[in-house]
Amino acid sequence: MTFEEKLRAELRTEVAKAQAETEQVRQQWMKEVEELRDELKNKDKMIQKFEMFIDICNERVMAERFRLEGEGSSSVSQ
């Protein structure tokens, strides 16, 4: 093998290593992106549940106000 052939072989090896490392980093990145997407979906679900809870609480407050206003006006009328 000539010096040039040895150098090319060594460079091919280094390029192959770099490509493998790049692929590994890409796969790790994709995995992290999927995990973050799943986490975001879970947090969106939690937010929706919390918003539903707030809506239910607001409805209960409005119903109680309506009931109390009805009691207040009926006792004043009598």
N, C-alpha and C. Protein backbone atom coordinates (compact mmCIF):
# COMPACT_ATOMS: atom_id res chain seq x y z
N MET A 1 0.83 -1.19 0.00
CA MET A 1 0.00 0.00 0.00
C MET A 1 0.88 1.26 0.00
N THR A 2 0.50 2.15 -0.83
CA THR A 2 1.23 3.41 -0.86
C THR A 2 0.72 4.31 0.26
N PHE A 3 1.47 5.35 0.48
CA PHE A 3 1.08 6.31 1.52
C PHE A 3 -0.30 6.90 1.21
N GLU A 4 -0.53 7.19 -0.04
CA GLU A 4 -1.83 7.78 -0.46
C GLU A 4 -2.97 6.80 -0.20
N GLU A 5 -2.77 5.53 -0.49
CA GLU A 5 -3.81 4.52 -0.25
C GLU A 5 -4.09 4.36 1.25
N LYS A 6 -3.03 4.37 2.04
CA LYS A 6 -3.19 4.27 3.51
C LYS A 6 -3.97 5.48 4.02
N LEU A 7 -3.63 6.65 3.51
CA LEU A 7 -4.31 7.87 3.93
C LEU A 7 -5.79 7.82 3.54
N ARG A 8 -6.08 7.37 2.35
CA ARG A 8 -7.49 7.26 1.90
C ARG A 8 -8.25 6.25 2.74
N ALA A 9 -7.63 5.13 3.04
CA ALA A 9 -8.28 4.11 3.87
C ALA A 9 -8.58 4.67 5.26
N GLU A 10 -7.60 5.37 5.80
CA GLU A 10 -7.79 5.98 7.12
C GLU A 10 -8.90 7.03 7.08
N LEU A 11 -8.93 7.83 6.04
CA LEU A 11 -9.98 8.84 5.90
C LEU A 11 -11.36 8.19 5.73
N ARG A 12 -11.43 7.10 4.97
CA ARG A 12 -12.72 6.40 4.82
C ARG A 12 -13.21 5.90 6.18
N THR A 13 -12.28 5.38 6.96
CA THR A 13 -12.63 4.89 8.30
C THR A 13 -13.15 6.04 9.16
N GLU A 14 -12.47 7.16 9.13
CA GLU A 14 -12.90 8.31 9.91
C GLU A 14 -14.25 8.84 9.44
N VAL A 15 -14.46 8.86 8.14
CA VAL A 15 -15.75 9.31 7.61
C VAL A 15 -16.86 8.36 8.05
N ALA A 16 -16.59 7.06 8.01
CA ALA A 16 -17.59 6.08 8.44
C ALA A 16 -17.90 6.26 9.92
N LYS A 17 -16.89 6.51 10.74
CA LYS A 17 -17.11 6.75 12.17
C LYS A 17 -17.95 8.01 12.39
N ALA A 18 -17.62 9.06 11.65
CA ALA A 18 -18.35 10.32 11.78
C ALA A 18 -19.80 10.14 11.35
N GLN A 19 -20.04 9.38 10.28
CA GLN A 19 -21.41 9.14 9.82
C GLN A 19 -22.18 8.33 10.86
N ALA A 20 -21.54 7.34 11.44
CA ALA A 20 -22.20 6.53 12.47
C ALA A 20 -22.53 7.39 13.69
N GLU A 21 -21.61 8.23 14.08
CA GLU A 21 -21.84 9.12 15.22
C GLU A 21 -22.97 10.10 14.92
N THR A 22 -22.99 10.63 13.71
CA THR A 22 -24.04 11.55 13.30
C THR A 22 -25.40 10.85 13.34
N GLU A 23 -25.46 9.62 12.87
CA GLU A 23 -26.72 8.87 12.89
C GLU A 23 -27.17 8.61 14.32
N GLN A 24 -26.22 8.29 15.18
CA GLN A 24 -26.56 8.05 16.59
C GLN A 24 -27.10 9.32 17.24
N VAL A 25 -26.47 10.45 16.97
CA VAL A 25 -26.94 11.72 17.52
C VAL A 25 -28.33 12.05 16.98
N ARG A 26 -28.55 11.79 15.70
CA ARG A 26 -29.86 12.05 15.09
C ARG A 26 -30.94 11.18 15.74
N GLN A 27 -30.63 9.93 15.98
CA GLN A 27 -31.60 9.03 16.62
C GLN A 27 -31.90 9.48 18.04
N GLN A 28 -30.88 9.89 18.77
CA GLN A 28 -31.09 10.39 20.14
C GLN A 28 -31.95 11.65 20.11
N TRP A 29 -31.68 12.52 19.17
CA TRP A 29 -32.45 13.75 19.04
C TRP A 29 -33.91 13.44 18.74
N MET A 30 -34.14 12.50 17.82
CA MET A 30 -35.52 12.13 17.48
C MET A 30 -36.23 11.54 18.70
N LYS A 31 -35.51 10.75 19.47
CA LYS A 31 -36.10 10.16 20.68
C LYS A 31 -36.48 11.27 21.67
N GLU A 32 -35.59 12.23 21.85
CA GLU A 32 -35.88 13.34 22.76
C GLU A 32 -37.07 14.16 22.28
N VAL A 33 -37.15 14.38 20.98
CA VAL A 33 -38.28 15.13 20.41
C VAL A 33 -39.58 14.39 20.67
N GLU A 34 -39.60 13.09 20.47
CA GLU A 34 -40.82 12.30 20.72
C GLU A 34 -41.19 12.34 22.20
N GLU A 35 -40.21 12.25 23.08
CA GLU A 35 -40.49 12.33 24.52
C GLU A 35 -41.09 13.69 24.88
N LEU A 36 -40.54 14.74 24.30
CA LEU A 36 -41.07 16.08 24.58
C LEU A 36 -42.48 16.24 24.03
N ARG A 37 -42.74 15.66 22.86
CA ARG A 37 -44.10 15.71 22.30
C ARG A 37 -45.08 15.00 23.22
N ASP A 38 -44.68 13.83 23.72
CA ASP A 38 -45.55 13.09 24.64
C ASP A 38 -45.79 13.89 25.92
N GLU A 39 -44.73 14.49 26.43
CA GLU A 39 -44.87 15.30 27.64
C GLU A 39 -45.80 16.49 27.40
N LEU A 40 -45.67 17.10 26.25
CA LEU A 40 -46.54 18.23 25.90
C LEU A 40 -48.00 17.78 25.80
N LYS A 41 -48.24 16.62 25.20
CA LYS A 41 -49.60 16.10 25.10
C LYS A 41 -50.18 15.85 26.49
N ASN A 42 -49.36 15.28 27.37
CA ASN A 42 -49.83 15.02 28.74
C ASN A 42 -50.14 16.32 29.47
N LYS A 43 -49.31 17.32 29.28
CA LYS A 43 -49.57 18.60 29.94
C LYS A 43 -50.81 19.27 29.36
N ASP A 44 -51.03 19.12 28.06
CA ASP A 44 -52.26 19.66 27.45
C ASP A 44 -53.49 18.99 28.06
N LYS A 45 -53.41 17.67 28.27
CA LYS A 45 -54.52 16.95 28.90
C LYS A 45 -54.77 17.47 30.31
N MET A 46 -53.68 17.68 31.05
CA MET A 46 -53.82 18.20 32.41
C MET A 46 -54.46 19.59 32.40
N ILE A 47 -54.05 20.42 31.46
CA ILE A 47 -54.62 21.77 31.35
C ILE A 47 -56.10 21.69 31.03
N GLN A 48 -56.49 20.81 30.12
CA GLN A 48 -57.90 20.66 29.77
C GLN A 48 -58.72 20.20 30.98
N LYS A 49 -58.17 19.25 31.74
CA LYS A 49 -58.87 18.78 32.93
C LYS A 49 -59.02 19.91 33.95
N PHE A 50 -57.97 20.70 34.12
CA PHE A 50 -58.02 21.81 35.06
C PHE A 50 -59.04 22.85 34.60
N GLU A 51 -59.06 23.13 33.29
CA GLU A 51 -60.04 24.08 32.77
C GLU A 51 -61.47 23.57 32.99
N MET A 52 -61.67 22.26 32.81
CA MET A 52 -62.99 21.69 33.06
C MET A 52 -63.35 21.85 34.55
N PHE A 53 -62.40 21.62 35.43
CA PHE A 53 -62.62 21.78 36.85
C PHE A 53 -63.01 23.22 37.18
N ILE A 54 -62.29 24.17 36.59
CA ILE A 54 -62.60 25.59 36.82
C ILE A 54 -64.01 25.90 36.30
N ASP A 55 -64.36 25.38 35.13
CA ASP A 55 -65.70 25.60 34.58
C ASP A 55 -66.78 25.05 35.51
N ILE A 56 -66.55 23.86 36.05
CA ILE A 56 -67.52 23.25 36.97
C ILE A 56 -67.65 24.11 38.22
N CYS A 57 -66.51 24.57 38.74
CA CYS A 57 -66.55 25.43 39.94
C CYS A 57 -67.31 26.72 39.66
N ASN A 58 -67.05 27.30 38.51
CA ASN A 58 -67.75 28.54 38.15
C ASN A 58 -69.25 28.31 38.02
N GLU A 59 -69.64 27.19 37.44
CA GLU A 59 -71.06 26.88 37.32
C GLU A 59 -71.70 26.73 38.70
N ARG A 60 -70.99 26.07 39.61
CA ARG A 60 -71.52 25.88 40.96
C ARG A 60 -71.66 27.23 41.67
N VAL A 61 -70.68 28.10 41.50
CA VAL A 61 -70.75 29.42 42.12
C VAL A 61 -71.93 30.20 41.56
N MET A 62 -72.12 30.16 40.25
CA MET A 62 -73.23 30.88 39.63
C MET A 62 -74.57 30.31 40.10
N ALA A 63 -74.65 28.98 40.19
CA ALA A 63 -75.89 28.37 40.66
C ALA A 63 -76.17 28.77 42.11
N GLU A 64 -75.15 28.79 42.94
CA GLU A 64 -75.33 29.16 44.35
C GLU A 64 -75.73 30.63 44.46
N ARG A 65 -75.12 31.49 43.64
CA ARG A 65 -75.51 32.90 43.65
C ARG A 65 -76.98 33.06 43.24
N PHE A 66 -77.36 32.34 42.20
CA PHE A 66 -78.74 32.41 41.73
C PHE A 66 -79.69 31.94 42.83
N ARG A 67 -79.32 30.84 43.50
CA ARG A 67 -80.16 30.30 44.58
C ARG A 67 -80.26 31.30 45.72
N LEU A 68 -79.12 31.90 46.10
CA LEU A 68 -79.13 32.87 47.20
C LEU A 68 -79.90 34.13 46.84
N GLU A 69 -79.77 34.56 45.60
CA GLU A 69 -80.54 35.73 45.16
C GLU A 69 -82.03 35.41 45.20
N GLY A 70 -82.39 34.22 44.83
CA GLY A 70 -83.80 33.81 44.86
C GLY A 70 -84.33 33.77 46.27
N GLU A 71 -83.54 33.31 47.21
CA GLU A 71 -83.95 33.25 48.62
C GLU A 71 -84.05 34.66 49.18
N GLY A 72 -83.12 35.51 48.81
CA GLY A 72 -83.11 36.89 49.33
C GLY A 72 -84.31 37.67 48.84
N SER A 73 -84.67 37.52 47.59
CA SER A 73 -85.79 38.28 47.06
C SER A 73 -87.13 37.72 47.55
N SER A 74 -87.21 36.41 47.81
CA SER A 74 -88.47 35.85 48.29
C SER A 74 -88.72 36.24 49.75
N SER A 75 -87.68 36.37 50.56
CA SER A 75 -87.88 36.77 51.96
C SER A 75 -88.20 38.25 52.04
N VAL A 76 -87.69 39.06 51.11
CA VAL A 76 -87.98 40.48 51.12
C VAL A 76 -89.43 40.71 50.65
N SER A 77 -89.92 39.90 49.72
CA SER A 77 -91.27 40.06 49.19
C SER A 77 -92.32 39.72 50.22
N GLN A 78 -92.00 38.83 51.15
CA GLN A 78 -93.02 38.36 52.10
C GLN A 78 -93.31 39.34 53.13
